[in-house]
Amino acid sequence: MNCDEARCELTGFHFGTLTGATRDALEAHLPACPACLGEYLALKRAAECVDDVPPPSELSRARLRRAMADELRRARRWSWWERPLVVGVAAASVWLALGAAHAVAVGEGRAPFAALGMR
């Protein structure tokens, strides 16, 4: 990639719209060319440090708020029946484990291998 081709792609590179071979070629060109690298950094500063940009309109803000609310609504939420179901399953598991431990502790005292027929 030569400097003229690189300069044409700097804006796309900054905003992440380049893909594939073009991005790879520009990534290889920038560290090797101080002039293009300086131009890229100037473009980056200009894009990120603009103070005289008007604030977004109320319509834009409303659209952004609506999009954020929609995205949050789509997030996974527990249904009304799932919470009690999960708690019930966990409680039943604990209850069964305690019952099994109690049965082993209170049962007849046998050697562990005697129950399996081993000695």
PDB file of N, CA and C in Angstrom:
ATOM      1  N   MET A   1       0.860  -1.173   0.000  1.00  0.00           N
ATOM      2  CA  MET A   1       0.000   0.000   0.000  1.00  0.00           C
ATOM      3  C   MET A   1       0.900   1.228   0.000  1.00  0.00           C
ATOM      4  N   ASN A   2       0.611   2.175  -0.912  1.00  0.00           N
ATOM      5  CA  ASN A   2       1.401   3.408  -0.939  1.00  0.00           C
ATOM      6  C   ASN A   2       0.696   4.483  -0.109  1.00  0.00           C
ATOM      7  N   CYS A   3       1.346   5.633   0.032  1.00  0.00           N
ATOM      8  CA  CYS A   3       0.831   6.692   0.906  1.00  0.00           C
ATOM      9  C   CYS A   3      -0.502   7.255   0.407  1.00  0.00           C
ATOM     10  N   ASP A   4      -0.670   7.399  -0.906  1.00  0.00           N
ATOM     11  CA  ASP A   4      -1.930   7.929  -1.429  1.00  0.00           C
ATOM     12  C   ASP A   4      -3.102   6.994  -1.099  1.00  0.00           C
ATOM     13  N   GLU A   5      -2.894   5.700  -1.270  1.00  0.00           N
ATOM     14  CA  GLU A   5      -3.945   4.729  -0.935  1.00  0.00           C
ATOM     15  C   GLU A   5      -4.224   4.733   0.567  1.00  0.00           C
ATOM     16  N   ALA A   6      -3.166   4.842   1.361  1.00  0.00           N
ATOM     17  CA  ALA A   6      -3.325   4.837   2.816  1.00  0.00           C
ATOM     18  C   ALA A   6      -4.121   6.044   3.284  1.00  0.00           C
ATOM     19  N   ARG A   7      -3.825   7.221   2.725  1.00  0.00           N
ATOM     20  CA  ARG A   7      -4.528   8.442   3.136  1.00  0.00           C
ATOM     21  C   ARG A   7      -6.024   8.358   2.833  1.00  0.00           C
ATOM     22  N   CYS A   8      -6.376   7.680   1.767  1.00  0.00           N
ATOM     23  CA  CYS A   8      -7.793   7.534   1.420  1.00  0.00           C
ATOM     24  C   CYS A   8      -8.534   6.641   2.415  1.00  0.00           C
ATOM     25  N   GLU A   9      -7.815   5.781   3.108  1.00  0.00           N
ATOM     26  CA  GLU A   9      -8.449   4.806   4.003  1.00  0.00           C
ATOM     27  C   GLU A   9      -8.361   5.176   5.474  1.00  0.00           C
ATOM     28  N   LEU A  10      -7.714   6.294   5.815  1.00  0.00           N
ATOM     29  CA  LEU A  10      -7.494   6.634   7.219  1.00  0.00           C
ATOM     30  C   LEU A  10      -8.798   6.837   7.994  1.00  0.00           C
ATOM     31  N   THR A  11      -9.769   7.499   7.398  1.00  0.00           N
ATOM     32  CA  THR A  11     -11.030   7.750   8.095  1.00  0.00           C
ATOM     33  C   THR A  11     -11.755   6.438   8.379  1.00  0.00           C
ATOM     34  N   GLY A  12     -11.805   5.564   7.398  1.00  0.00           N
ATOM     35  CA  GLY A  12     -12.435   4.265   7.605  1.00  0.00           C
ATOM     36  C   GLY A  12     -11.712   3.435   8.651  1.00  0.00           C
ATOM     37  N   PHE A  13     -10.387   3.552   8.675  1.00  0.00           N
ATOM     38  CA  PHE A  13      -9.601   2.837   9.671  1.00  0.00           C
ATOM     39  C   PHE A  13      -9.912   3.362  11.069  1.00  0.00           C
ATOM     40  N   HIS A  14     -10.006   4.672  11.191  1.00  0.00           N
ATOM     41  CA  HIS A  14     -10.297   5.272  12.493  1.00  0.00           C
ATOM     42  C   HIS A  14     -11.651   4.825  13.029  1.00  0.00           C
ATOM     43  N   PHE A  15     -12.652   4.778  12.189  1.00  0.00           N
ATOM     44  CA  PHE A  15     -13.995   4.417  12.630  1.00  0.00           C
ATOM     45  C   PHE A  15     -14.268   2.912  12.565  1.00  0.00           C
ATOM     46  N   GLY A  16     -13.261   2.115  12.201  1.00  0.00           N
ATOM     47  CA  GLY A  16     -13.392   0.660  12.240  1.00  0.00           C
ATOM     48  C   GLY A  16     -14.240   0.062  11.149  1.00  0.00           C
ATOM     49  N   THR A  17     -14.329   0.715   9.998  1.00  0.00           N
ATOM     50  CA  THR A  17     -15.152   0.171   8.917  1.00  0.00           C
ATOM     51  C   THR A  17     -14.346  -0.615   7.892  1.00  0.00           C
ATOM     52  N   LEU A  18     -13.029  -0.599   8.008  1.00  0.00           N
ATOM     53  CA  LEU A  18     -12.197  -1.365   7.069  1.00  0.00           C
ATOM     54  C   LEU A  18     -12.163  -2.826   7.485  1.00  0.00           C
ATOM     55  N   THR A  19     -12.152  -3.706   6.520  1.00  0.00           N
ATOM     56  CA  THR A  19     -12.067  -5.125   6.807  1.00  0.00           C
ATOM     57  C   THR A  19     -11.047  -5.782   5.896  1.00  0.00           C
ATOM     58  N   GLY A  20     -10.620  -6.943   6.311  1.00  0.00           N
ATOM     59  CA  GLY A  20      -9.796  -7.796   5.470  1.00  0.00           C
ATOM     60  C   GLY A  20      -8.439  -7.242   5.080  1.00  0.00           C
ATOM     61  N   ALA A  21      -8.134  -7.406   3.804  1.00  0.00           N
ATOM     62  CA  ALA A  21      -6.809  -7.090   3.290  1.00  0.00           C
ATOM     63  C   ALA A  21      -6.493  -5.599   3.369  1.00  0.00           C
ATOM     64  N   THR A  22      -7.493  -4.743   3.186  1.00  0.00           N
ATOM     65  CA  THR A  22      -7.250  -3.298   3.252  1.00  0.00           C
ATOM     66  C   THR A  22      -6.804  -2.901   4.648  1.00  0.00           C
ATOM     67  N   ARG A  23      -7.507  -3.392   5.666  1.00  0.00           N
ATOM     68  CA  ARG A  23      -7.130  -3.074   7.041  1.00  0.00           C
ATOM     69  C   ARG A  23      -5.745  -3.623   7.357  1.00  0.00           C
ATOM     70  N   ASP A  24      -5.460  -4.848   6.944  1.00  0.00           N
ATOM     71  CA  ASP A  24      -4.155  -5.451   7.205  1.00  0.00           C
ATOM     72  C   ASP A  24      -3.040  -4.661   6.534  1.00  0.00           C
ATOM     73  N   ALA A  25      -3.276  -4.235   5.284  1.00  0.00           N
ATOM     74  CA  ALA A  25      -2.255  -3.463   4.571  1.00  0.00           C
ATOM     75  C   ALA A  25      -2.015  -2.113   5.240  1.00  0.00           C
ATOM     76  N   LEU A  26      -3.085  -1.468   5.698  1.00  0.00           N
ATOM     77  CA  LEU A  26      -2.931  -0.175   6.359  1.00  0.00           C
ATOM     78  C   LEU A  26      -2.244  -0.337   7.711  1.00  0.00           C
ATOM     79  N   GLU A  27      -2.560  -1.387   8.439  1.00  0.00           N
ATOM     80  CA  GLU A  27      -1.896  -1.648   9.713  1.00  0.00           C
ATOM     81  C   GLU A  27      -0.406  -1.910   9.520  1.00  0.00           C
ATOM     82  N   ALA A  28      -0.035  -2.495   8.403  1.00  0.00           N
ATOM     83  CA  ALA A  28       1.373  -2.718   8.118  1.00  0.00           C
ATOM     84  C   ALA A  28       2.047  -1.432   7.647  1.00  0.00           C
ATOM     85  N   HIS A  29       1.299  -0.561   6.952  1.00  0.00           N
ATOM     86  CA  HIS A  29       1.875   0.665   6.383  1.00  0.00           C
ATOM     87  C   HIS A  29       2.101   1.744   7.441  1.00  0.00           C
ATOM     88  N   LEU A  30       1.155   1.915   8.365  1.00  0.00           N
ATOM     89  CA  LEU A  30       1.229   3.026   9.317  1.00  0.00           C
ATOM     90  C   LEU A  30       2.501   3.028  10.180  1.00  0.00           C
ATOM     91  N   PRO A  31       2.909   1.937  10.785  1.00  0.00           N
ATOM     92  CA  PRO A  31       4.132   1.989  11.595  1.00  0.00           C
ATOM     93  C   PRO A  31       5.391   2.276  10.778  1.00  0.00           C
ATOM     94  N   ALA A  32       5.356   1.953   9.492  1.00  0.00           N
ATOM     95  CA  ALA A  32       6.533   2.139   8.646  1.00  0.00           C
ATOM     96  C   ALA A  32       6.595   3.518   8.004  1.00  0.00           C
ATOM     97  N   CYS A  33       5.510   4.295   8.040  1.00  0.00           N
ATOM     98  CA  CYS A  33       5.467   5.585   7.346  1.00  0.00           C
ATOM     99  C   CYS A  33       5.121   6.702   8.336  1.00  0.00           C
ATOM    100  N   PRO A  34       6.104   7.487   8.778  1.00  0.00           N
ATOM    101  CA  PRO A  34       5.841   8.549   9.750  1.00  0.00           C
ATOM    102  C   PRO A  34       4.860   9.610   9.228  1.00  0.00           C
ATOM    103  N   ALA A  35       4.866   9.886   7.924  1.00  0.00           N
ATOM    104  CA  ALA A  35       3.963  10.904   7.373  1.00  0.00           C
ATOM    105  C   ALA A  35       2.507  10.453   7.482  1.00  0.00           C
ATOM    106  N   CYS A  36       2.217   9.231   7.100  1.00  0.00           N
ATOM    107  CA  CYS A  36       0.844   8.714   7.176  1.00  0.00           C
ATOM    108  C   CYS A  36       0.416   8.542   8.628  1.00  0.00           C
ATOM    109  N   LEU A  37       1.343   8.119   9.472  1.00  0.00           N
ATOM    110  CA  LEU A  37       1.015   7.973  10.881  1.00  0.00           C
ATOM    111  C   LEU A  37       0.680   9.335  11.496  1.00  0.00           C
ATOM    112  N   GLY A  38       1.456  10.366  11.150  1.00  0.00           N
ATOM    113  CA  GLY A  38       1.163  11.714  11.633  1.00  0.00           C
ATOM    114  C   GLY A  38      -0.186  12.209  11.142  1.00  0.00           C
ATOM    115  N   GLU A  39      -0.501  11.918   9.889  1.00  0.00           N
ATOM    116  CA  GLU A  39      -1.794  12.328   9.346  1.00  0.00           C
ATOM    117  C   GLU A  39      -2.943  11.572  10.031  1.00  0.00           C
ATOM    118  N   TYR A  40      -2.717  10.302  10.322  1.00  0.00           N
ATOM    119  CA  TYR A  40      -3.739   9.522  11.028  1.00  0.00           C
ATOM    120  C   TYR A  40      -3.960  10.085  12.431  1.00  0.00           C
ATOM    121  N   LEU A  41      -2.879  10.410  13.143  1.00  0.00           N
ATOM    122  CA  LEU A  41      -3.029  10.957  14.491  1.00  0.00           C
ATOM    123  C   LEU A  41      -3.714  12.320  14.470  1.00  0.00           C
ATOM    124  N   ALA A  42      -3.423  13.140  13.461  1.00  0.00           N
ATOM    125  CA  ALA A  42      -4.100  14.433  13.340  1.00  0.00           C
ATOM    126  C   ALA A  42      -5.593  14.233  13.077  1.00  0.00           C
ATOM    127  N   LEU A  43      -5.920  13.292  12.219  1.00  0.00           N
ATOM    128  CA  LEU A  43      -7.322  12.985  11.948  1.00  0.00           C
ATOM    129  C   LEU A  43      -8.021  12.480  13.210  1.00  0.00           C
ATOM    130  N   LYS A  44      -7.331  11.635  13.944  1.00  0.00           N
ATOM    131  CA  LYS A  44      -7.884  11.079  15.188  1.00  0.00           C
ATOM    132  C   LYS A  44      -8.149  12.195  16.203  1.00  0.00           C
ATOM    133  N   ARG A  45      -7.189  13.091  16.375  1.00  0.00           N
ATOM    134  CA  ARG A  45      -7.373  14.217  17.297  1.00  0.00           C
ATOM    135  C   ARG A  45      -8.531  15.095  16.860  1.00  0.00           C
ATOM    136  N   ALA A  46      -8.604  15.371  15.567  1.00  0.00           N
ATOM    137  CA  ALA A  46      -9.676  16.229  15.053  1.00  0.00           C
ATOM    138  C   ALA A  46     -11.043  15.590  15.274  1.00  0.00           C
ATOM    139  N   ALA A  47     -11.129  14.276  15.099  1.00  0.00           N
ATOM    140  CA  ALA A  47     -12.415  13.599  15.259  1.00  0.00           C
ATOM    141  C   ALA A  47     -12.830  13.489  16.724  1.00  0.00           C
ATOM    142  N   GLU A  48     -11.849  13.375  17.616  1.00  0.00           N
ATOM    143  CA  GLU A  48     -12.170  13.151  19.021  1.00  0.00           C
ATOM    144  C   GLU A  48     -12.208  14.422  19.862  1.00  0.00           C
ATOM    145  N   CYS A  49     -11.657  15.500  19.381  1.00  0.00           N
ATOM    146  CA  CYS A  49     -11.539  16.715  20.198  1.00  0.00           C
ATOM    147  C   CYS A  49     -12.331  17.889  19.650  1.00  0.00           C
ATOM    148  N   VAL A  50     -13.353  17.617  18.922  1.00  0.00           N
ATOM    149  CA  VAL A  50     -14.142  18.709  18.356  1.00  0.00           C
ATOM    150  C   VAL A  50     -15.036  19.281  19.449  1.00  0.00           C
ATOM    151  N   ASP A  51     -14.882  20.595  19.714  1.00  0.00           N
ATOM    152  CA  ASP A  51     -15.665  21.243  20.767  1.00  0.00           C
ATOM    153  C   ASP A  51     -16.869  21.986  20.225  1.00  0.00           C
ATOM    154  N   ASP A  52     -16.835  22.371  18.971  1.00  0.00           N
ATOM    155  CA  ASP A  52     -17.909  23.204  18.444  1.00  0.00           C
ATOM    156  C   ASP A  52     -19.026  22.406  17.770  1.00  0.00           C
ATOM    157  N   VAL A  53     -19.142  21.143  18.124  1.00  0.00           N
ATOM    158  CA  VAL A  53     -20.200  20.307  17.569  1.00  0.00           C
ATOM    159  C   VAL A  53     -21.475  20.569  18.364  1.00  0.00           C
ATOM    160  N   PRO A  54     -22.571  20.825  17.688  1.00  0.00           N
ATOM    161  CA  PRO A  54     -23.814  21.074  18.424  1.00  0.00           C
ATOM    162  C   PRO A  54     -24.280  19.812  19.141  1.00  0.00           C
ATOM    163  N   PRO A  55     -24.968  19.981  20.266  1.00  0.00           N
ATOM    164  CA  PRO A  55     -25.471  18.793  20.974  1.00  0.00           C
ATOM    165  C   PRO A  55     -26.544  18.098  20.142  1.00  0.00           C
ATOM    166  N   PRO A  56     -26.779  16.839  20.410  1.00  0.00           N
ATOM    167  CA  PRO A  56     -27.798  16.120  19.646  1.00  0.00           C
ATOM    168  C   PRO A  56     -29.189  16.705  19.889  1.00  0.00           C
ATOM    169  N   SER A  57     -30.024  16.580  18.896  1.00  0.00           N
ATOM    170  CA  SER A  57     -31.381  17.124  19.012  1.00  0.00           C
ATOM    171  C   SER A  57     -32.197  16.306  20.008  1.00  0.00           C
ATOM    172  N   GLU A  58     -33.309  16.863  20.425  1.00  0.00           N
ATOM    173  CA  GLU A  58     -34.191  16.149  21.346  1.00  0.00           C
ATOM    174  C   GLU A  58     -34.751  14.879  20.698  1.00  0.00           C
ATOM    175  N   LEU A  59     -34.988  14.949  19.385  1.00  0.00           N
ATOM    176  CA  LEU A  59     -35.479  13.764  18.676  1.00  0.00           C
ATOM    177  C   LEU A  59     -34.442  12.636  18.735  1.00  0.00           C
ATOM    178  N   SER A  60     -33.177  12.988  18.530  1.00  0.00           N
ATOM    179  CA  SER A  60     -32.106  11.985  18.608  1.00  0.00           C
ATOM    180  C   SER A  60     -31.998  11.410  20.006  1.00  0.00           C
ATOM    181  N   ARG A  61     -32.091  12.268  21.003  1.00  0.00           N
ATOM    182  CA  ARG A  61     -32.022  11.795  22.383  1.00  0.00           C
ATOM    183  C   ARG A  61     -33.196  10.880  22.708  1.00  0.00           C
ATOM    184  N   ALA A  62     -34.371  11.243  22.233  1.00  0.00           N
ATOM    185  CA  ALA A  62     -35.552  10.412  22.479  1.00  0.00           C
ATOM    186  C   ALA A  62     -35.397   9.047  21.810  1.00  0.00           C
ATOM    187  N   ARG A  63     -34.874   9.018  20.583  1.00  0.00           N
ATOM    188  CA  ARG A  63     -34.654   7.751  19.884  1.00  0.00           C
ATOM    189  C   ARG A  63     -33.642   6.887  20.634  1.00  0.00           C
ATOM    190  N   LEU A  64     -32.590   7.530  21.128  1.00  0.00           N
ATOM    191  CA  LEU A  64     -31.572   6.788  21.867  1.00  0.00           C
ATOM    192  C   LEU A  64     -32.158   6.223  23.161  1.00  0.00           C
ATOM    193  N   ARG A  65     -32.927   7.025  23.880  1.00  0.00           N
ATOM    194  CA  ARG A  65     -33.563   6.537  25.110  1.00  0.00           C
ATOM    195  C   ARG A  65     -34.503   5.367  24.818  1.00  0.00           C
ATOM    196  N   ARG A  66     -35.275   5.477  23.745  1.00  0.00           N
ATOM    197  CA  ARG A  66     -36.214   4.418  23.373  1.00  0.00           C
ATOM    198  C   ARG A  66     -35.447   3.136  23.006  1.00  0.00           C
ATOM    199  N   ALA A  67     -34.358   3.284  22.261  1.00  0.00           N
ATOM    200  CA  ALA A  67     -33.561   2.112  21.888  1.00  0.00           C
ATOM    201  C   ALA A  67     -32.939   1.460  23.117  1.00  0.00           C
ATOM    202  N   MET A  68     -32.471   2.268  24.052  1.00  0.00           N
ATOM    203  CA  MET A  68     -31.885   1.721  25.280  1.00  0.00           C
ATOM    204  C   MET A  68     -32.953   0.998  26.100  1.00  0.00           C
ATOM    205  N   ALA A  69     -34.130   1.593  26.212  1.00  0.00           N
ATOM    206  CA  ALA A  69     -35.213   0.962  26.965  1.00  0.00           C
ATOM    207  C   ALA A  69     -35.617  -0.361  26.317  1.00  0.00           C
ATOM    208  N   ASP A  70     -35.702  -0.399  24.998  1.00  0.00           N
ATOM    209  CA  ASP A  70     -36.036  -1.647  24.295  1.00  0.00           C
ATOM    210  C   ASP A  70     -34.981  -2.720  24.559  1.00  0.00           C
ATOM    211  N   GLU A  71     -33.726  -2.317  24.525  1.00  0.00           N
ATOM    212  CA  GLU A  71     -32.635  -3.264  24.754  1.00  0.00           C
ATOM    213  C   GLU A  71     -32.677  -3.805  26.180  1.00  0.00           C
ATOM    214  N   LEU A  72     -32.955  -2.947  27.132  1.00  0.00           N
ATOM    215  CA  LEU A  72     -33.047  -3.395  28.519  1.00  0.00           C
ATOM    216  C   LEU A  72     -34.247  -4.306  28.734  1.00  0.00           C
ATOM    217  N   ARG A  73     -35.339  -4.039  28.046  1.00  0.00           N
ATOM    218  CA  ARG A  73     -36.523  -4.887  28.155  1.00  0.00           C
ATOM    219  C   ARG A  73     -36.266  -6.281  27.592  1.00  0.00           C
ATOM    220  N   ARG A  74     -35.454  -6.336  26.548  1.00  0.00           N
ATOM    221  CA  ARG A  74     -35.146  -7.625  25.924  1.00  0.00           C
ATOM    222  C   ARG A  74     -34.200  -8.470  26.758  1.00  0.00           C
ATOM    223  N   ALA A  75     -33.538  -7.855  27.737  1.00  0.00           N
ATOM    224  CA  ALA A  75     -32.603  -8.602  28.575  1.00  0.00           C
ATOM    225  C   ALA A  75     -33.354  -9.701  29.320  1.00  0.00           C
ATOM    226  N   ARG A  76     -32.675 -10.771  29.602  1.00  0.00           N
ATOM    227  CA  ARG A  76     -33.301 -11.932  30.263  1.00  0.00           C
ATOM    228  C   ARG A  76     -33.779 -11.537  31.645  1.00  0.00           C
ATOM    229  N   ARG A  77     -35.052 -11.756  31.894  1.00  0.00           N
ATOM    230  CA  ARG A  77     -35.627 -11.501  33.206  1.00  0.00           C
ATOM    231  C   ARG A  77     -36.305 -12.770  33.690  1.00  0.00           C
ATOM    232  N   TRP A  78     -36.378 -12.907  34.971  1.00  0.00           N
ATOM    233  CA  TRP A  78     -37.058 -14.049  35.559  1.00  0.00           C
ATOM    234  C   TRP A  78     -38.555 -13.875  35.403  1.00  0.00           C
ATOM    235  N   SER A  79     -39.207 -14.917  34.996  1.00  0.00           N
ATOM    236  CA  SER A  79     -40.669 -14.914  34.972  1.00  0.00           C
ATOM    237  C   SER A  79     -41.167 -15.075  36.397  1.00  0.00           C
ATOM    238  N   TRP A  80     -42.414 -14.784  36.633  1.00  0.00           N
ATOM    239  CA  TRP A  80     -42.963 -14.858  37.982  1.00  0.00           C
ATOM    240  C   TRP A  80     -42.908 -16.272  38.534  1.00  0.00           C
ATOM    241  N   TRP A  81     -42.974 -17.274  37.650  1.00  0.00           N
ATOM    242  CA  TRP A  81     -43.013 -18.653  38.120  1.00  0.00           C
ATOM    243  C   TRP A  81     -41.630 -19.261  38.245  1.00  0.00           C
ATOM    244  N   GLU A  82     -40.617 -18.683  37.637  1.00  0.00           N
ATOM    245  CA  GLU A  82     -39.297 -19.304  37.655  1.00  0.00           C
ATOM    246  C   GLU A  82     -38.598 -19.183  39.008  1.00  0.00           C
ATOM    247  N   ARG A  83     -38.731 -18.066  39.669  1.00  0.00           N
ATOM    248  CA  ARG A  83     -38.063 -17.905  40.952  1.00  0.00           C
ATOM    249  C   ARG A  83     -38.536 -18.926  41.979  1.00  0.00           C
ATOM    250  N   PRO A  84     -39.842 -19.044  42.218  1.00  0.00           N
ATOM    251  CA  PRO A  84     -40.278 -20.055  43.189  1.00  0.00           C
ATOM    252  C   PRO A  84     -39.900 -21.471  42.764  1.00  0.00           C
ATOM    253  N   LEU A  85     -39.902 -21.740  41.460  1.00  0.00           N
ATOM    254  CA  LEU A  85     -39.546 -23.065  40.981  1.00  0.00           C
ATOM    255  C   LEU A  85     -38.087 -23.384  41.308  1.00  0.00           C
ATOM    256  N   VAL A  86     -37.201 -22.456  41.066  1.00  0.00           N
ATOM    257  CA  VAL A  86     -35.780 -22.665  41.342  1.00  0.00           C
ATOM    258  C   VAL A  86     -35.554 -22.835  42.837  1.00  0.00           C
ATOM    259  N   VAL A  87     -36.189 -21.990  43.642  1.00  0.00           N
ATOM    260  CA  VAL A  87     -36.042 -22.099  45.094  1.00  0.00           C
ATOM    261  C   VAL A  87     -36.607 -23.433  45.574  1.00  0.00           C
ATOM    262  N   GLY A  88     -37.737 -23.856  45.015  1.00  0.00           N
ATOM    263  CA  GLY A  88     -38.329 -25.136  45.398  1.00  0.00           C
ATOM    264  C   GLY A  88     -37.444 -26.316  45.056  1.00  0.00           C
ATOM    265  N   VAL A  89     -36.852 -26.307  43.885  1.00  0.00           N
ATOM    266  CA  VAL A  89     -35.953 -27.396  43.481  1.00  0.00           C
ATOM    267  C   VAL A  89     -34.724 -27.425  44.391  1.00  0.00           C
ATOM    268  N   ALA A  90     -34.178 -26.258  44.691  1.00  0.00           N
ATOM    269  CA  ALA A  90     -33.011 -26.201  45.584  1.00  0.00           C
ATOM    270  C   ALA A  90     -33.379 -26.713  46.973  1.00  0.00           C
ATOM    271  N   ALA A  91     -34.534 -26.299  47.488  1.00  0.00           N
ATOM    272  CA  ALA A  91     -34.963 -26.751  48.815  1.00  0.00           C
ATOM    273  C   ALA A  91     -35.194 -28.262  48.827  1.00  0.00           C
ATOM    274  N   ALA A  92     -35.813 -28.798  47.783  1.00  0.00           N
ATOM    275  CA  ALA A  92     -36.049 -30.250  47.708  1.00  0.00           C
ATOM    276  C   ALA A  92     -34.731 -31.005  47.662  1.00  0.00           C
ATOM    277  N   SER A  93     -33.750 -30.490  46.943  1.00  0.00           N
ATOM    278  CA  SER A  93     -32.436 -31.146  46.871  1.00  0.00           C
ATOM    279  C   SER A  93     -31.776 -31.173  48.238  1.00  0.00           C
ATOM    280  N   VAL A  94     -31.834 -30.053  48.943  1.00  0.00           N
ATOM    281  CA  VAL A  94     -31.245 -29.993  50.287  1.00  0.00           C
ATOM    282  C   VAL A  94     -31.988 -30.950  51.213  1.00  0.00           C
ATOM    283  N   TRP A  95     -33.308 -30.980  51.135  1.00  0.00           N
ATOM    284  CA  TRP A  95     -34.121 -31.847  51.981  1.00  0.00           C
ATOM    285  C   TRP A  95     -33.770 -33.320  51.734  1.00  0.00           C
ATOM    286  N   LEU A  96     -33.631 -33.712  50.458  1.00  0.00           N
ATOM    287  CA  LEU A  96     -33.261 -35.097  50.139  1.00  0.00           C
ATOM    288  C   LEU A  96     -31.863 -35.439  50.642  1.00  0.00           C
ATOM    289  N   ALA A  97     -30.933 -34.497  50.493  1.00  0.00           N
ATOM    290  CA  ALA A  97     -29.568 -34.744  50.966  1.00  0.00           C
ATOM    291  C   ALA A  97     -29.554 -34.905  52.492  1.00  0.00           C
ATOM    292  N   LEU A  98     -30.296 -34.069  53.196  1.00  0.00           N
ATOM    293  CA  LEU A  98     -30.370 -34.194  54.658  1.00  0.00           C
ATOM    294  C   LEU A  98     -31.030 -35.511  55.059  1.00  0.00           C
ATOM    295  N   GLY A  99     -32.072 -35.900  54.336  1.00  0.00           N
ATOM    296  CA  GLY A  99     -32.731 -37.174  54.626  1.00  0.00           C
ATOM    297  C   GLY A  99     -31.794 -38.350  54.421  1.00  0.00           C
ATOM    298  N   ALA A 100     -31.032 -38.330  53.351  1.00  0.00           N
ATOM    299  CA  ALA A 100     -30.075 -39.410  53.090  1.00  0.00           C
ATOM    300  C   ALA A 100     -28.994 -39.442  54.165  1.00  0.00           C
ATOM    301  N   ALA A 101     -28.494 -38.286  54.556  1.00  0.00           N
ATOM    302  CA  ALA A 101     -27.470 -38.229  55.605  1.00  0.00           C
ATOM    303  C   ALA A 101     -28.034 -38.738  56.924  1.00  0.00           C
ATOM    304  N   HIS A 102     -29.268 -38.405  57.227  1.00  0.00           N
ATOM    305  CA  HIS A 102     -29.906 -38.866  58.459  1.00  0.00           C
ATOM    306  C   HIS A 102     -30.089 -40.379  58.433  1.00  0.00           C
ATOM    307  N   ALA A 103     -30.537 -40.904  57.300  1.00  0.00           N
ATOM    308  CA  ALA A 103     -30.742 -42.348  57.188  1.00  0.00           C
ATOM    309  C   ALA A 103     -29.433 -43.101  57.368  1.00  0.00           C
ATOM    310  N   VAL A 104     -28.356 -42.589  56.847  1.00  0.00           N
ATOM    311  CA  VAL A 104     -27.054 -43.237  56.986  1.00  0.00           C
ATOM    312  C   VAL A 104     -26.574 -43.126  58.425  1.00  0.00           C
ATOM    313  N   ALA A 105     -26.795 -41.983  59.046  1.00  0.00           N
ATOM    314  CA  ALA A 105     -26.301 -41.774  60.402  1.00  0.00           C
ATOM    315  C   ALA A 105     -27.100 -42.565  61.428  1.00  0.00           C
ATOM    316  N   VAL A 106     -28.399 -42.747  61.240  1.00  0.00           N
ATOM    317  CA  VAL A 106     -29.256 -43.389  62.229  1.00  0.00           C
ATOM    318  C   VAL A 106     -29.374 -44.896  61.974  1.00  0.00           C
ATOM    319  N   GLY A 107     -29.093 -45.329  60.766  1.00  0.00           N
ATOM    320  CA  GLY A 107     -29.258 -46.736  60.406  1.00  0.00           C
ATOM    321  C   GLY A 107     -28.349 -47.658  61.206  1.00  0.00           C
ATOM    322  N   GLU A 108     -28.536 -48.952  60.994  1.00  0.00           N
ATOM    323  CA  GLU A 108     -27.731 -49.952  61.698  1.00  0.00           C
ATOM    324  C   GLU A 108     -26.262 -49.742  61.391  1.00  0.00           C
ATOM    325  N   GLY A 109     -25.442 -50.034  62.365  1.00  0.00           N
ATOM    326  CA  GLY A 109     -24.002 -49.886  62.166  1.00  0.00           C
ATOM    327  C   GLY A 109     -23.423 -51.094  61.469  1.00  0.00           C
ATOM    328  N   ARG A 110     -23.107 -50.975  60.221  1.00  0.00           N
ATOM    329  CA  ARG A 110     -22.481 -52.055  59.462  1.00  0.00           C
ATOM    330  C   ARG A 110     -21.177 -51.534  58.883  1.00  0.00           C
ATOM    331  N   ALA A 111     -20.318 -52.446  58.590  1.00  0.00           N
ATOM    332  CA  ALA A 111     -19.097 -52.052  57.907  1.00  0.00           C
ATOM    333  C   ALA A 111     -19.465 -51.592  56.501  1.00  0.00           C
ATOM    334  N   PRO A 112     -18.764 -50.614  55.966  1.00  0.00           N
ATOM    335  CA  PRO A 112     -19.124 -50.084  54.667  1.00  0.00           C
ATOM    336  C   PRO A 112     -19.135 -51.114  53.549  1.00  0.00           C
ATOM    337  N   PHE A 113     -18.219 -52.070  53.584  1.00  0.00           N
ATOM    338  CA  PHE A 113     -18.138 -53.040  52.509  1.00  0.00           C
ATOM    339  C   PHE A 113     -19.102 -54.212  52.723  1.00  0.00           C
ATOM    340  N   ALA A 114     -19.643 -54.346  53.916  1.00  0.00           N
ATOM    341  CA  ALA A 114     -20.563 -55.451  54.197  1.00  0.00           C
ATOM    342  C   ALA A 114     -21.842 -55.296  53.395  1.00  0.00           C
ATOM    343  N   ALA A 115     -22.254 -54.067  53.182  1.00  0.00           N
ATOM    344  CA  ALA A 115     -23.474 -53.827  52.420  1.00  0.00           C
ATOM    345  C   ALA A 115     -23.305 -54.236  50.956  1.00  0.00           C
ATOM    346  N   LEU A 116     -22.087 -54.226  50.454  1.00  0.00           N
ATOM    347  CA  LEU A 116     -21.823 -54.593  49.063  1.00  0.00           C
ATOM    348  C   LEU A 116     -21.436 -56.052  48.925  1.00  0.00           C
ATOM    349  N   GLY A 117     -21.364 -56.773  50.021  1.00  0.00           N
ATOM    350  CA  GLY A 117     -21.006 -58.183  49.956  1.00  0.00           C
ATOM    351  C   GLY A 117     -19.498 -58.412  49.917  1.00  0.00           C
ATOM    352  N   MET A 118     -18.717 -57.442  50.288  1.00  0.00           N
ATOM    353  CA  MET A 118     -17.257 -57.586  50.287  1.00  0.00           C
ATOM    354  C   MET A 118     -16.758 -57.662  51.727  1.00  0.00           C
ATOM    355  N   ARG A 119     -15.648 -58.277  51.895  1.00  0.00           N
ATOM    356  CA  ARG A 119     -15.044 -58.329  53.240  1.00  0.00           C
ATOM    357  C   ARG A 119     -13.577 -58.125  53.178  1.00  0.00           C
TER     358      ARG A 119
END
